[in-house]
Protein backbone atom coordinates (compact mmCIF):
# COMPACT_ATOMS: atom_id res chain seq x y z
CA MET A 1 34.03 -166.15 -72.48
CA ASP A 2 30.34 -165.95 -73.72
CA GLN A 3 29.31 -165.57 -70.05
CA ALA A 4 31.79 -162.72 -69.50
CA LEU A 5 30.59 -160.89 -72.61
CA SER A 6 26.93 -161.12 -71.70
CA SER A 7 27.25 -160.57 -67.93
CA LYS A 8 27.01 -156.75 -67.99
CA PRO A 9 23.84 -156.27 -70.07
CA LEU A 10 22.29 -159.42 -68.34
CA SER A 11 22.70 -157.92 -64.94
CA SER A 12 21.15 -154.51 -66.06
CA SER A 13 18.25 -156.33 -67.63
CA VAL A 14 17.58 -158.51 -64.60
CA ARG A 15 17.61 -155.61 -62.30
CA ASP A 16 14.97 -153.78 -64.29
CA LYS A 17 12.77 -156.81 -64.47
CA VAL A 18 13.19 -157.46 -60.76
CA PHE A 19 12.34 -153.91 -59.96
CA SER A 20 9.23 -154.05 -62.29
CA GLU A 21 8.14 -157.22 -60.65
CA GLN A 22 8.52 -155.82 -57.14
CA VAL A 23 6.47 -152.76 -58.10
CA LYS A 24 3.76 -155.16 -59.55
CA ILE A 25 3.83 -157.32 -56.37
CA LEU A 26 3.43 -154.15 -54.19
CA HIS A 27 0.38 -152.94 -56.24
CA ASN A 28 -1.24 -156.29 -56.42
CA HIS A 29 -1.29 -156.44 -52.54
CA LEU A 30 -3.00 -152.99 -52.46
CA ALA A 31 -6.36 -154.45 -53.49
CA THR A 32 -6.60 -156.34 -50.19
CA SER A 33 -4.34 -154.12 -48.03
CA ILE A 34 -6.44 -150.89 -48.43
CA PRO A 35 -9.83 -152.42 -47.37
CA GLY A 36 -8.18 -154.28 -44.58
CA ASN A 37 -6.57 -151.17 -43.29
CA PHE A 38 -9.82 -149.15 -43.61
CA ILE A 39 -11.88 -151.89 -41.70
CA CYS A 40 -9.26 -151.83 -38.88
CA ALA A 41 -9.44 -147.92 -38.78
CA LEU A 42 -13.28 -148.10 -38.65
CA ILE A 43 -12.96 -150.46 -35.61
CA ILE A 44 -10.62 -147.88 -33.90
CA PHE A 45 -12.95 -144.96 -34.89
CA ILE A 46 -16.00 -146.72 -33.30
CA SER A 47 -14.07 -147.70 -30.22
CA THR A 48 -12.50 -144.23 -29.61
CA TYR A 49 -15.51 -142.04 -30.64
CA GLU A 50 -17.02 -141.89 -27.27
CA PHE A 51 -13.71 -140.91 -25.57
CA SER A 52 -12.71 -138.11 -28.02
CA LYS A 53 -15.21 -137.37 -30.86
CA GLN A 54 -13.34 -134.59 -32.59
CA ILE A 55 -9.92 -136.47 -32.62
CA ALA A 56 -11.57 -139.65 -33.81
CA ILE A 57 -13.52 -137.81 -36.71
CA VAL A 58 -10.39 -135.95 -37.80
CA TRP A 59 -8.23 -139.07 -37.73
CA PHE A 60 -10.81 -141.33 -39.43
CA SER A 61 -11.37 -138.63 -42.08
CA ALA A 62 -7.58 -138.56 -42.71
CA VAL A 63 -7.68 -142.34 -43.10
CA ILE A 64 -10.51 -142.11 -45.63
CA LEU A 65 -8.52 -139.55 -47.58
CA THR A 66 -5.39 -141.52 -47.40
CA SER A 67 -7.34 -144.67 -48.70
CA ILE A 68 -8.73 -142.65 -51.53
CA PHE A 69 -5.23 -141.52 -52.62
CA ARG A 70 -4.01 -145.05 -52.43
CA PHE A 71 -6.86 -146.33 -54.68
CA VAL A 72 -6.00 -143.43 -57.05
CA GLY A 73 -2.46 -144.61 -57.17
CA LEU A 74 -3.60 -148.13 -57.91
CA TYR A 75 -5.87 -146.98 -60.65
CA LEU A 76 -2.97 -145.03 -62.26
CA TYR A 77 -0.75 -148.00 -62.06
CA HIS A 78 -3.14 -150.28 -63.89
CA HIS A 79 -3.98 -147.68 -66.61
CA TYR A 80 -0.40 -146.26 -67.06
CA PRO A 81 1.91 -149.20 -66.25
CA ASP A 82 5.05 -148.00 -67.91
CA HIS A 83 6.27 -145.59 -65.17
CA ASP A 84 7.44 -147.90 -62.35
CA LYS A 85 9.57 -145.35 -60.56
CA PHE A 86 6.75 -142.85 -60.44
CA HIS A 87 4.23 -145.52 -59.31
CA LEU A 88 6.57 -146.63 -56.59
CA SER A 89 7.10 -143.14 -55.23
CA VAL A 90 3.22 -142.55 -55.10
CA LEU A 91 2.71 -145.90 -53.38
CA VAL A 92 5.53 -145.28 -50.81
CA SER A 93 4.32 -141.75 -50.13
CA THR A 94 0.70 -142.85 -49.50
CA MET A 95 1.89 -145.83 -47.43
CA ILE A 96 4.06 -143.49 -45.26
CA LEU A 97 0.99 -141.27 -44.75
CA SER A 98 -1.07 -144.10 -43.67
CA ALA A 99 1.63 -145.32 -41.30
CA VAL A 100 1.97 -141.88 -39.78
CA LEU A 101 -1.78 -141.87 -39.13
CA TRP A 102 -1.54 -145.19 -37.27
CA GLY A 103 1.59 -144.01 -35.40
CA LEU A 104 -0.34 -140.95 -34.25
CA MET A 105 -3.21 -143.10 -33.13
CA ASP A 106 -1.13 -145.48 -30.96
CA SER A 107 0.91 -142.61 -29.37
CA VAL A 108 -0.19 -138.99 -29.36
CA LEU A 109 -3.94 -139.84 -30.00
CA MET A 110 -4.02 -142.88 -27.83
CA PRO A 111 -7.29 -142.94 -25.81
CA THR A 112 -7.04 -142.92 -22.00
CA ASP A 113 -9.43 -145.85 -21.45
CA PRO A 114 -7.41 -149.12 -20.78
CA LEU A 115 -9.76 -151.31 -22.77
CA ALA A 116 -9.57 -148.82 -25.81
CA GLN A 117 -5.86 -148.69 -25.48
CA THR A 118 -5.72 -152.45 -25.56
CA LEU A 119 -7.84 -152.57 -28.66
CA VAL A 120 -5.77 -149.88 -30.35
CA MET A 121 -2.48 -151.74 -29.61
CA VAL A 122 -3.80 -155.10 -30.72
CA ILE A 123 -5.18 -153.63 -33.99
CA ALA A 124 -2.01 -151.61 -34.60
CA ALA A 125 -0.03 -154.79 -34.21
CA GLY A 126 -2.28 -156.51 -36.65
CA VAL A 127 -2.17 -153.67 -39.06
CA THR A 128 1.64 -153.66 -38.86
CA ALA A 129 1.94 -157.45 -39.44
CA GLY A 130 -0.53 -157.28 -42.46
CA GLY A 131 1.34 -154.25 -43.84
CA ILE A 132 4.74 -155.86 -43.52
CA GLN A 133 3.46 -158.88 -45.58
CA THR A 134 2.19 -156.60 -48.30
CA LEU A 135 5.44 -154.59 -48.44
CA ASN A 136 7.91 -157.46 -48.58
CA ALA A 137 8.92 -156.56 -52.17
CA ASN A 138 10.43 -153.15 -50.85
CA LEU A 139 12.62 -153.41 -47.79
CA VAL A 140 12.79 -149.63 -47.27
CA ALA A 141 8.96 -149.24 -47.44
CA SER A 142 8.39 -152.10 -44.94
CA MET A 143 11.15 -150.72 -42.56
CA VAL A 144 9.53 -147.20 -42.75
CA TYR A 145 6.05 -148.66 -42.12
CA LEU A 146 7.19 -150.81 -39.19
CA ASN A 147 9.10 -147.99 -37.46
CA VAL A 148 6.60 -145.25 -37.99
CA ILE A 149 3.77 -147.30 -36.39
CA ILE A 150 5.64 -149.28 -33.65
CA LEU A 151 8.28 -146.83 -32.40
CA PRO A 152 5.64 -144.24 -31.40
CA LEU A 153 3.71 -146.87 -29.60
CA CYS A 154 6.85 -147.89 -27.69
CA ALA A 155 7.63 -144.20 -26.81
CA PHE A 156 4.00 -143.94 -25.55
CA LEU A 157 4.30 -146.95 -23.31
CA LEU A 158 7.74 -145.74 -22.00
CA LEU A 159 6.32 -142.50 -20.96
CA GLN A 160 3.51 -144.04 -18.90
CA HIS A 161 6.03 -144.71 -16.04
CA SER A 162 4.18 -147.87 -14.90
CA PHE A 163 5.54 -151.38 -14.48
CA ALA A 164 2.58 -152.90 -16.37
CA TYR A 165 3.15 -150.48 -19.28
CA ASN A 166 6.96 -151.10 -19.19
CA LEU A 167 6.22 -154.86 -19.28
CA LEU A 168 3.95 -154.37 -22.15
CA ASN A 169 6.55 -152.10 -23.86
CA ALA A 170 9.08 -155.00 -23.61
CA ALA A 171 6.64 -157.26 -25.30
CA VAL A 172 5.92 -154.79 -28.06
CA MET A 173 9.67 -154.25 -28.49
CA THR A 174 10.07 -158.03 -28.82
CA TYR A 175 7.26 -158.05 -31.31
CA TYR A 176 9.05 -155.19 -33.24
CA LEU A 177 12.33 -157.15 -33.33
CA PHE A 178 10.59 -160.23 -34.62
CA MET A 179 8.70 -158.23 -37.30
CA LEU A 180 12.02 -156.51 -38.26
CA VAL A 181 13.75 -159.87 -38.73
CA THR A 182 10.74 -161.33 -40.48
CA SER A 183 10.53 -158.37 -42.90
CA ILE A 184 14.26 -158.66 -43.71
CA ARG A 185 14.05 -162.45 -44.19
CA ASN A 186 10.94 -162.27 -46.49
CA ASN A 187 12.39 -159.49 -48.60
CA LYS A 188 15.57 -161.35 -48.97
CA LEU A 189 13.76 -164.60 -49.99
CA LEU A 190 11.62 -162.77 -52.37
CA THR A 191 14.40 -160.81 -54.02
CA GLN A 192 16.63 -163.88 -54.31
CA SER A 193 13.69 -165.75 -55.86
CA LEU A 194 13.07 -162.96 -58.47
CA TYR A 195 16.76 -162.58 -59.32
CA LEU A 196 17.10 -166.32 -59.74
CA LYS A 197 13.98 -166.46 -61.88
CA TYR A 198 14.91 -163.56 -64.26
CA GLU A 199 18.58 -164.41 -64.42
CA ASN A 200 17.90 -167.94 -65.50
CA LEU A 201 15.21 -166.88 -67.97
CA ALA A 202 17.68 -164.40 -69.43
CA LEU A 203 20.29 -167.09 -69.72
CA ILE A 204 17.81 -169.32 -71.47
CA ASP A 205 16.86 -166.59 -73.92
CA LYS A 206 20.46 -165.44 -74.67
CA LEU A 207 22.70 -168.59 -74.55
CA SER A 208 22.47 -171.29 -77.19
CA VAL A 209 22.88 -174.53 -75.32
CA SER A 210 21.38 -177.92 -75.55
CA ASN A 211 17.57 -178.01 -75.50
CA ASN A 212 17.51 -180.84 -73.08
CA LYS A 213 19.98 -178.99 -70.74
CA LEU A 214 17.92 -175.85 -70.85
CA LEU A 215 14.64 -177.76 -70.27
CA ASN A 216 16.09 -179.50 -67.17
CA ALA A 217 17.52 -176.22 -65.79
CA TYR A 218 14.21 -174.52 -66.34
CA GLN A 219 12.34 -177.38 -64.69
CA LEU A 220 14.66 -177.16 -61.67
CA LEU A 221 14.18 -173.51 -61.51
CA GLU A 222 10.42 -173.78 -61.59
CA LYS A 223 10.49 -176.37 -58.86
CA HIS A 224 12.65 -174.01 -56.85
CA ASP A 225 10.32 -171.12 -57.51
CA GLN A 226 7.35 -173.24 -56.54
CA LYS A 227 9.00 -173.98 -53.26
CA ILE A 228 9.74 -170.37 -52.66
CA VAL A 229 6.07 -169.57 -53.42
CA LEU A 230 4.97 -172.31 -51.08
CA MET A 231 7.31 -171.09 -48.44
CA ASN A 232 5.90 -167.47 -48.82
CA LYS A 233 2.43 -168.82 -48.80
CA MET A 234 3.14 -170.81 -45.56
CA ASN A 235 4.72 -167.69 -44.06
CA ASP A 236 1.72 -165.54 -44.88
CA GLN A 237 -0.66 -168.12 -43.39
CA LEU A 238 1.39 -168.38 -40.26
CA GLN A 239 1.53 -164.48 -39.93
CA VAL A 240 -2.32 -164.41 -39.61
CA CYS A 241 -2.60 -167.56 -37.59
CA ASN A 242 -4.32 -167.20 -34.16
CA ASP A 243 -3.02 -170.22 -32.23
CA MET A 244 -0.32 -172.88 -32.24
CA ILE A 245 -2.56 -175.72 -33.15
CA ALA A 246 -3.69 -174.20 -36.32
CA ALA A 247 0.04 -173.33 -37.07
CA TYR A 248 1.03 -176.93 -36.62
CA HIS A 249 -1.51 -177.93 -39.30
CA ILE A 250 -0.16 -175.39 -41.72
CA ILE A 251 3.42 -176.43 -41.22
CA GLN A 252 2.54 -180.16 -41.62
CA SER A 253 0.69 -179.45 -44.87
CA SER A 254 3.44 -177.23 -46.17
CA GLY A 255 6.24 -179.58 -45.08
CA LYS A 256 4.58 -182.35 -46.97
CA GLN A 257 4.56 -180.23 -50.26
CA LEU A 258 8.04 -178.68 -49.81
CA PHE A 259 9.88 -181.93 -48.89
CA GLU A 260 7.74 -184.53 -50.73
CA ASP A 261 10.84 -186.85 -50.94
CA LEU A 262 11.62 -186.60 -47.28
CA ASN A 263 10.16 -187.72 -44.05
CA GLY A 264 9.60 -184.83 -41.58
CA SER A 265 8.45 -184.20 -38.03
CA LEU A 266 8.18 -181.02 -35.83
CA PHE A 267 8.56 -181.32 -32.03
CA MET A 268 7.76 -178.59 -29.46
CA ARG A 269 8.72 -178.34 -25.91
CA ASP A 270 6.02 -179.05 -23.38
CA ILE A 271 4.92 -176.48 -20.77
CA LEU A 272 7.64 -177.51 -18.24
CA ASN A 273 10.32 -177.64 -21.02
CA HIS A 274 11.33 -181.11 -19.91
CA HIS A 275 10.13 -183.00 -23.04
CA LEU A 276 9.62 -182.50 -26.71
CA GLU A 277 6.31 -183.71 -28.12
CA MET A 278 5.58 -184.49 -31.81
CA VAL A 279 3.11 -181.93 -33.06
CA ALA A 280 3.29 -182.29 -36.89
CA THR A 281 4.63 -185.00 -39.16
CA TRP A 282 4.63 -186.08 -42.84
CA GLY A 283 5.94 -189.26 -44.43
CA ASP A 284 7.08 -192.17 -42.22
CA SER A 285 7.38 -191.15 -38.55
CA LYS A 286 7.85 -194.72 -37.24
CA MET A 287 11.67 -194.23 -37.00
CA LEU A 288 11.10 -191.54 -34.28
CA GLU A 289 9.92 -191.49 -30.74
CA SER A 290 6.84 -189.38 -30.32
CA SER A 291 8.28 -187.83 -27.17
CA PHE A 292 11.84 -187.51 -25.83
CA THR A 293 14.07 -185.29 -23.65
CA THR A 294 16.53 -182.61 -24.83
CA GLU A 295 19.34 -184.87 -23.82
CA ASP A 296 18.23 -187.45 -26.37
CA CYS A 297 19.07 -185.06 -29.33
CA LEU A 298 22.67 -184.22 -30.17
CA ALA A 299 21.50 -181.02 -32.01
CA LEU A 300 19.81 -179.71 -28.88
CA ARG A 301 22.74 -180.59 -26.77
CA LYS A 302 25.10 -178.80 -29.18
CA GLY A 303 22.82 -175.91 -29.85
CA HIS A 304 23.03 -176.10 -33.63
CA ALA A 305 22.01 -178.39 -36.58
CA TYR A 306 23.29 -181.89 -36.54
CA ALA A 307 23.38 -184.01 -39.74
CA ILE A 308 23.99 -187.71 -40.35
CA ALA A 309 25.44 -188.38 -43.73
CA TYR A 310 26.80 -191.96 -43.21
CA PRO A 311 25.09 -194.00 -40.43
CA GLU A 312 28.03 -196.35 -40.07
CA ARG A 313 30.27 -193.35 -39.30
CA ASN A 314 27.92 -190.96 -37.45
CA VAL A 315 26.22 -191.50 -34.12
CA ALA A 316 22.40 -191.19 -34.36
CA CYS A 317 20.27 -189.29 -31.93
CA GLN A 318 18.60 -191.35 -29.28
CA HIS A 319 15.07 -190.24 -30.44
CA PHE A 320 15.60 -192.43 -33.57
CA THR A 321 14.14 -195.97 -33.01
CA THR A 322 15.96 -197.00 -36.20
CA PRO A 323 19.12 -195.20 -37.34
CA PRO A 324 18.38 -193.28 -40.62
CA ASN A 325 20.54 -193.28 -43.66
CA THR A 326 20.69 -189.51 -43.78
CA SER A 327 19.03 -186.96 -41.64
CA ILE A 328 19.36 -183.58 -40.20
CA CYS A 329 18.09 -182.23 -36.74
CA LEU A 330 17.35 -178.47 -36.76
CA PRO A 331 16.79 -176.73 -33.36
CA LEU A 332 14.31 -173.86 -33.38
CA GLY A 333 16.44 -171.44 -31.50
CA ASN A 334 19.70 -171.90 -29.53
CA GLN A 335 20.69 -173.64 -26.27
CA LEU A 336 19.39 -170.82 -24.13
CA GLN A 337 16.12 -170.12 -25.96
CA ASN A 338 14.85 -173.22 -27.78
CA MET A 339 11.18 -173.79 -28.56
CA GLY A 340 11.36 -177.02 -30.49
CA LEU A 341 13.01 -179.21 -33.13
CA LEU A 342 12.60 -179.87 -36.88
CA ILE A 343 13.77 -183.38 -38.00
CA LEU A 344 14.04 -184.42 -41.69
CA HIS A 345 15.29 -187.84 -42.82
CA THR A 346 15.35 -189.83 -46.04
CA PRO A 347 13.36 -193.02 -46.65
CA ALA A 348 15.23 -196.34 -47.35
CA LYS A 349 18.89 -195.90 -48.50
CA GLU A 350 18.36 -192.55 -50.28
CA ALA A 351 20.66 -189.57 -49.61
CA MET A 352 19.62 -186.06 -48.77
CA THR A 353 20.71 -183.55 -51.48
CA HIS A 354 22.64 -180.30 -50.73
CA GLU A 355 19.57 -178.25 -51.92
CA GLN A 356 17.28 -180.09 -49.57
CA ILE A 357 19.64 -179.42 -46.67
CA GLN A 358 19.85 -175.68 -47.52
CA PHE A 359 16.13 -175.41 -47.89
CA ALA A 360 15.64 -177.31 -44.62
CA HIS A 361 17.64 -174.57 -42.85
CA THR A 362 15.50 -171.79 -44.40
CA PHE A 363 12.36 -173.67 -43.58
CA ALA A 364 13.36 -174.02 -39.96
CA GLU A 365 14.18 -170.31 -39.69
CA VAL A 366 10.84 -169.27 -41.17
CA ILE A 367 8.70 -171.50 -38.87
CA GLN A 368 10.90 -170.42 -35.91
CA LEU A 369 10.22 -166.73 -36.49
CA SER A 370 6.50 -167.44 -37.26
CA LEU A 371 5.89 -169.55 -34.15
CA SER A 372 7.69 -166.94 -32.02
CA ASN A 373 5.37 -164.26 -33.45
CA ILE A 374 2.29 -166.39 -32.68
CA LYS A 375 3.47 -167.05 -29.14
CA LEU A 376 4.00 -163.25 -28.75
CA ARG A 377 0.56 -162.50 -29.89
CA GLU A 378 -0.86 -165.10 -27.58
CA ASN A 379 1.07 -163.59 -24.70
CA LEU A 380 -0.23 -160.15 -25.58
CA TYR A 381 -3.72 -161.46 -25.61
CA ASP A 382 -3.29 -163.39 -22.38
CA GLN A 383 -2.18 -160.09 -20.74
CA SER A 384 -5.21 -158.37 -22.07
CA ILE A 385 -7.59 -160.77 -20.40
CA HIS A 386 -5.92 -161.17 -16.99
CA ASP A 387 -5.84 -158.97 -13.94
CA PRO A 388 -2.23 -158.03 -13.30
CA LEU A 389 -2.51 -158.02 -9.49
CA THR A 390 -4.29 -161.37 -8.83
CA GLY A 391 -3.62 -163.29 -12.13
CA LEU A 392 -7.24 -164.05 -12.44
CA PHE A 393 -9.33 -163.34 -15.51
CA ASN A 394 -10.54 -159.84 -15.80
CA ARG A 395 -14.02 -158.46 -16.58
CA ARG A 396 -13.28 -158.29 -20.35
CA PHE A 397 -12.75 -162.10 -20.31
CA LEU A 398 -16.06 -162.57 -18.45
CA ASP A 399 -17.92 -160.30 -20.81
CA GLU A 400 -16.52 -162.36 -23.71
CA THR A 401 -17.04 -165.89 -22.28
CA LEU A 402 -20.16 -165.84 -20.19
CA PRO A 403 -22.56 -165.21 -23.11
CA ARG A 404 -21.16 -168.15 -24.98
CA GLU A 405 -21.45 -170.37 -21.98
CA LEU A 406 -25.04 -169.33 -21.42
CA GLN A 407 -25.86 -170.10 -25.04
CA ARG A 408 -24.26 -173.54 -24.64
CA ILE A 409 -26.11 -174.48 -21.56
CA ILE A 410 -29.43 -173.32 -22.89
CA ARG A 411 -28.79 -175.36 -26.12
CA ASP A 412 -27.77 -178.48 -24.05
CA LYS A 413 -30.49 -177.90 -21.41
CA GLN A 414 -27.98 -177.72 -18.63
CA THR A 415 -27.35 -175.12 -15.87
CA LEU A 416 -24.54 -173.02 -14.67
CA CYS A 417 -24.15 -170.92 -11.56
CA VAL A 418 -22.76 -167.33 -11.15
CA ALA A 419 -21.41 -166.24 -7.70
CA MET A 420 -20.60 -162.59 -6.83
CA LEU A 421 -18.09 -162.50 -4.03
CA ASP A 422 -17.11 -159.33 -2.02
CA ILE A 423 -14.56 -159.02 0.72
CA ASP A 424 -16.40 -157.65 3.76
CA HIS A 425 -15.37 -154.26 5.10
CA PHE A 426 -12.51 -154.08 2.67
CA LYS A 427 -12.40 -150.26 2.57
CA SER A 428 -11.99 -150.13 6.39
CA PHE A 429 -9.34 -152.84 6.11
CA ASN A 430 -7.33 -150.69 3.66
CA ASP A 431 -7.72 -147.64 5.86
CA ASN A 432 -6.44 -149.51 8.98
CA ASN A 433 -3.66 -151.67 7.39
CA GLY A 434 -2.78 -149.87 4.08
CA HIS A 435 -3.37 -150.68 0.52
CA GLU A 436 -0.40 -152.87 0.11
CA ALA A 437 -1.75 -155.22 2.85
CA GLY A 438 -5.09 -154.97 0.98
CA ASP A 439 -3.37 -156.16 -2.16
CA GLU A 440 -1.97 -159.17 -0.21
CA ILE A 441 -5.64 -160.02 0.84
CA LEU A 442 -6.77 -159.79 -2.85
CA LYS A 443 -3.93 -162.09 -3.95
CA TYR A 444 -4.73 -164.50 -1.12
CA VAL A 445 -8.41 -164.68 -2.16
CA ALA A 446 -7.39 -165.12 -5.76
CA MET A 447 -5.02 -168.02 -4.72
CA LEU A 448 -7.89 -169.76 -2.87
CA LEU A 449 -10.07 -169.36 -5.93
CA ARG A 450 -7.60 -170.89 -8.27
CA GLY A 451 -7.01 -173.87 -5.84
CA ASN A 452 -10.65 -174.61 -5.05
CA PHE A 453 -12.46 -174.27 -8.37
CA ARG A 454 -12.12 -176.67 -11.30
CA GLY A 455 -10.27 -175.88 -14.51
CA HIS A 456 -13.36 -175.25 -16.49
CA ASP A 457 -14.87 -172.90 -14.09
CA ILE A 458 -14.09 -169.27 -14.56
CA SER A 459 -12.75 -167.10 -11.72
CA CYS A 460 -12.58 -163.36 -12.41
CA ARG A 461 -11.67 -160.27 -10.57
CA PHE A 462 -14.91 -158.25 -11.32
CA GLY A 463 -13.47 -155.00 -9.92
CA GLY A 464 -12.09 -153.62 -6.63
CA GLU A 465 -12.66 -156.30 -3.95
CA GLU A 466 -15.40 -157.97 -5.92
CA PHE A 467 -14.90 -161.35 -7.64
CA THR A 468 -17.10 -163.41 -9.94
CA ILE A 469 -17.11 -167.23 -10.25
CA VAL A 470 -18.84 -169.01 -13.09
CA MET A 471 -19.40 -172.69 -12.38
CA THR A 472 -20.39 -174.50 -15.50
CA SER A 473 -22.55 -177.69 -15.61
CA THR A 474 -23.48 -177.21 -11.90
CA ASP A 475 -26.72 -176.78 -10.14
CA ILE A 476 -27.24 -174.22 -7.35
CA GLU A 477 -27.19 -176.64 -4.48
CA SER A 478 -23.81 -178.13 -5.49
CA ALA A 479 -22.45 -174.63 -6.08
CA LYS A 480 -23.57 -173.49 -2.72
CA LEU A 481 -21.80 -176.43 -0.99
CA ARG A 482 -18.50 -175.65 -2.85
CA LEU A 483 -18.83 -171.87 -2.02
CA GLU A 484 -19.60 -172.55 1.66
CA ASN A 485 -16.38 -174.63 1.89
CA PHE A 486 -14.56 -171.77 0.18
CA ARG A 487 -16.08 -169.19 2.57
CA ARG A 488 -14.89 -171.11 5.63
CA MET A 489 -11.44 -171.36 4.13
CA VAL A 490 -11.17 -167.64 3.70
CA LYS A 491 -12.26 -167.10 7.18
CA ALA A 492 -9.87 -169.61 8.61
CA GLY A 493 -6.98 -168.43 6.55
CA LYS A 494 -3.93 -166.57 7.92
CA VAL A 495 -2.33 -163.82 5.80
CA TYR A 496 0.91 -162.16 6.77
CA PHE A 497 2.30 -158.83 5.45
CA ASN A 498 5.78 -157.79 6.41
CA GLU A 499 5.84 -160.73 8.87
CA ILE A 500 2.81 -159.42 10.59
CA LEU A 501 -0.44 -161.39 10.81
CA LEU A 502 -3.31 -159.46 9.24
CA PRO A 503 -6.75 -159.37 10.71
CA THR A 504 -9.18 -162.10 9.74
CA ILE A 505 -11.24 -161.40 6.60
CA THR A 506 -14.54 -162.72 5.57
CA VAL A 507 -16.51 -162.72 2.43
CA SER A 508 -20.18 -162.38 1.39
CA ILE A 509 -21.42 -164.23 -1.48
CA GLY A 510 -24.41 -163.95 -3.82
CA LEU A 511 -25.32 -166.97 -5.90
CA ALA A 512 -27.63 -167.23 -8.98
CA GLU A 513 -28.39 -170.13 -11.40
CA ALA A 514 -28.91 -169.82 -15.12
CA PRO A 515 -31.25 -169.97 -16.78
CA LEU A 516 -33.53 -170.02 -13.59
CA HIS A 517 -32.46 -166.55 -12.51
CA GLY A 518 -31.53 -165.10 -15.92
CA ALA A 519 -30.80 -166.39 -19.50
CA THR A 520 -28.49 -163.48 -20.38
CA SER A 521 -25.21 -162.40 -18.98
CA ASN A 522 -26.54 -159.19 -17.54
CA THR A 523 -29.64 -160.64 -15.89
CA VAL A 524 -27.77 -163.58 -14.18
CA ILE A 525 -25.03 -161.28 -12.88
CA HIS A 526 -27.62 -158.81 -11.66
CA ALA A 527 -29.48 -161.58 -9.85
CA ALA A 528 -26.22 -162.71 -8.22
CA ASP A 529 -25.37 -159.04 -7.31
CA ILE A 530 -28.72 -158.63 -5.65
CA ALA A 531 -28.17 -161.82 -3.64
CA LEU A 532 -24.79 -160.40 -2.66
CA TYR A 533 -26.48 -157.25 -1.42
CA THR A 534 -28.90 -159.38 0.59
CA ALA A 535 -26.01 -161.23 2.19
CA LYS A 536 -24.34 -158.02 3.23
CA GLN A 537 -27.66 -156.70 4.57
CA GLY A 538 -28.13 -159.93 6.54
CA GLY A 539 -24.91 -159.50 8.41
CA ARG A 540 -22.04 -160.53 6.03
CA ASP A 541 -19.90 -163.64 6.04
CA ARG A 542 -22.62 -165.62 4.41
CA ILE A 543 -24.04 -166.95 1.14
CA GLU A 544 -27.37 -165.88 -0.17
CA GLN A 545 -29.06 -167.37 -3.31
CA ALA A 546 -31.10 -165.39 -5.69
CA LYS A 547 -34.82 -165.36 -5.61
CA THR A 548 -36.66 -166.64 -8.64
CA HIS A 549 -38.53 -163.36 -8.85
CA HIS A 550 -36.06 -160.70 -7.81
CA VAL A 551 -36.71 -157.01 -7.90
CA ASP A 552 -34.38 -155.17 -10.29
CA SER A 553 -34.85 -151.77 -8.72
CA VAL A 554 -33.16 -152.66 -5.27
CA ASP A 555 -30.85 -149.88 -4.38
CA MET A 556 -27.28 -151.40 -4.64
CA THR A 557 -25.32 -148.49 -3.26
CA GLU A 558 -22.85 -148.75 -0.49
CA LYS A 559 -22.64 -152.58 -0.43
CA ALA A 560 -19.29 -152.62 1.06
C-alpha cells in the first residue's frame, strides 16, 4: 500500500533527477570532446589545404566558430546550472552544427586526392566513435550525430561507382551499424544505471524500513553501480583501442574486477577458424584447455549460451579438464558469425548467482561489439596500406615503415637493402596485349614477390609497373643473390590470360644498401632508383647496385 501511494511522485522525481544527471554527464564530456574535435579538424585542415584552400579555410573557420559556441554553452551551464532543458537544447544544437560540418567534409567537400580521402574517412570515423561515447547520455543526440556524419560519407562512396569504393562503403556501413548498436546499448546501460540509482535512493529517503535492510540494499546498489561504471570504463577504453592484443589486456583487467568471485577466460578463433585460443584469463584457468575446437564446446555447437548448474545432471563441455560446479559458456556471436567464446565458472563448490549470470551476458555483448569495432578499424587501416590490385603494401606503408627501419638498423649498427624493380617495356606490353593482360602480369610479379621474400621483408607496389623491396638485416651481396634468383623466376615464368600464353616478361632491378648508399628514406630510394636507371640503360633484364658516390642530378626520365 505504501509503495502504491508513493509510486507516482517517486517516478516523477526520478525522471527529473535522471534527466539532470544526463545533462550533467553530457556537459562534463564537452571539456574533452571540444578540444579533441578541434584537433581532428586541424589535421583535416592541414591535409586538405593544398587541394582546396578556400574550402578548407571556410570549413575550418566554421569549426572554430562552432567550438566557440560550444564552449560558451559549457560556460553558461557551469554558471547557470538550473535550466537543464535550455542547456540541453544549446548543447544539441551546437552538436548538430558540428556534425553537419563533418558530414559536409566527408561528402560534399571531400578532397579528390585518395590519400586525403583516406585521412578524412579515418578521422571522421574516429570523431564519430569519440562523439558517440560523449553523447551516450542522450540517445537522440547520439543518433543524429552518427547519421549526420556517416550517412553523407556512405552517399559519397556510393556515388563514386567504383568497386573499391563500394567495398569501402560496405565496410563503412558495417561500422555504422556497429556504432548504432553500440550507442543504443550504452545509452540503455547508462539510463538503467541512473534510474536504478535514483529510484533506490528515493526509496531509501522516503520509506521507513530497517536500517540494516536499507544499508544492505544500498551496498548492493553501490556494487552494481560500480560494475556499471567499470563496464562503461572498459567499453570506453575498448572504443579507442588500436589493436586486439591491447583489447585483451583491457578485458582481462576489467573481468578480474567485475567478476572477482568467478574464474573467467576469453577465447578467440585463430586465423583459420579451426581452433579457439585462450587470449585472456583471470582466476583459476587450470580447469580449462588452453586451445580447443568448436566441436568441444556445446555453446558453440548450439549457437547460444550454455550453462551448467548441477554437474551431476549436466554434461560438461569437453574443453573442461575438470567438470566445474557451475559455469556458463557465452559465444561471441552466432553459429554463422562467431569470433570467440567467454567462459565463467565458480571455484570449489560455490554456485553462480542470477545477477552474475545476467551481468555475464551483458559483459559478453559489450566485448563482442567492441572487438567487432576494433576488427573493423583494423580492416579499414589494412585496406588503406595495401594496393587493391596486387595485394602488396602501397607507397603509403613504405613511407611510414622505411624511416623506422632505417633508424633501427643505424641504432643497432646493421644494414638493410632497398631494391627498385621495374617491368621492362611494360607500356609496349599494355599497348600490344591490353591493360587487363598487363594487370595479370602485375599480379603475377606480386605473387612471386610474396613467395620469394621473407615475412619481415617489405614488398610494395611503388607505382605503375614499379615495385620496391626492403630487405632488413641483409647485406648487398646476399640481397643481390636473392634478387638474381627472383629475376630468373620472372623470366622463366608463364602467364596466361584468357587461356592464351602471354609474352615473356623481364625485370630490371636497382639495388642500394643502407646506410652505405643513404641513411634516410629518400636518399636510399633515390640511390636504388639511379641503379635501376643504370640497369635499363645497360640493356634491361639485369641487376645493378648503387655506387657509393652516385650523382643525384642524373636524368631519370623515360626509364621504361
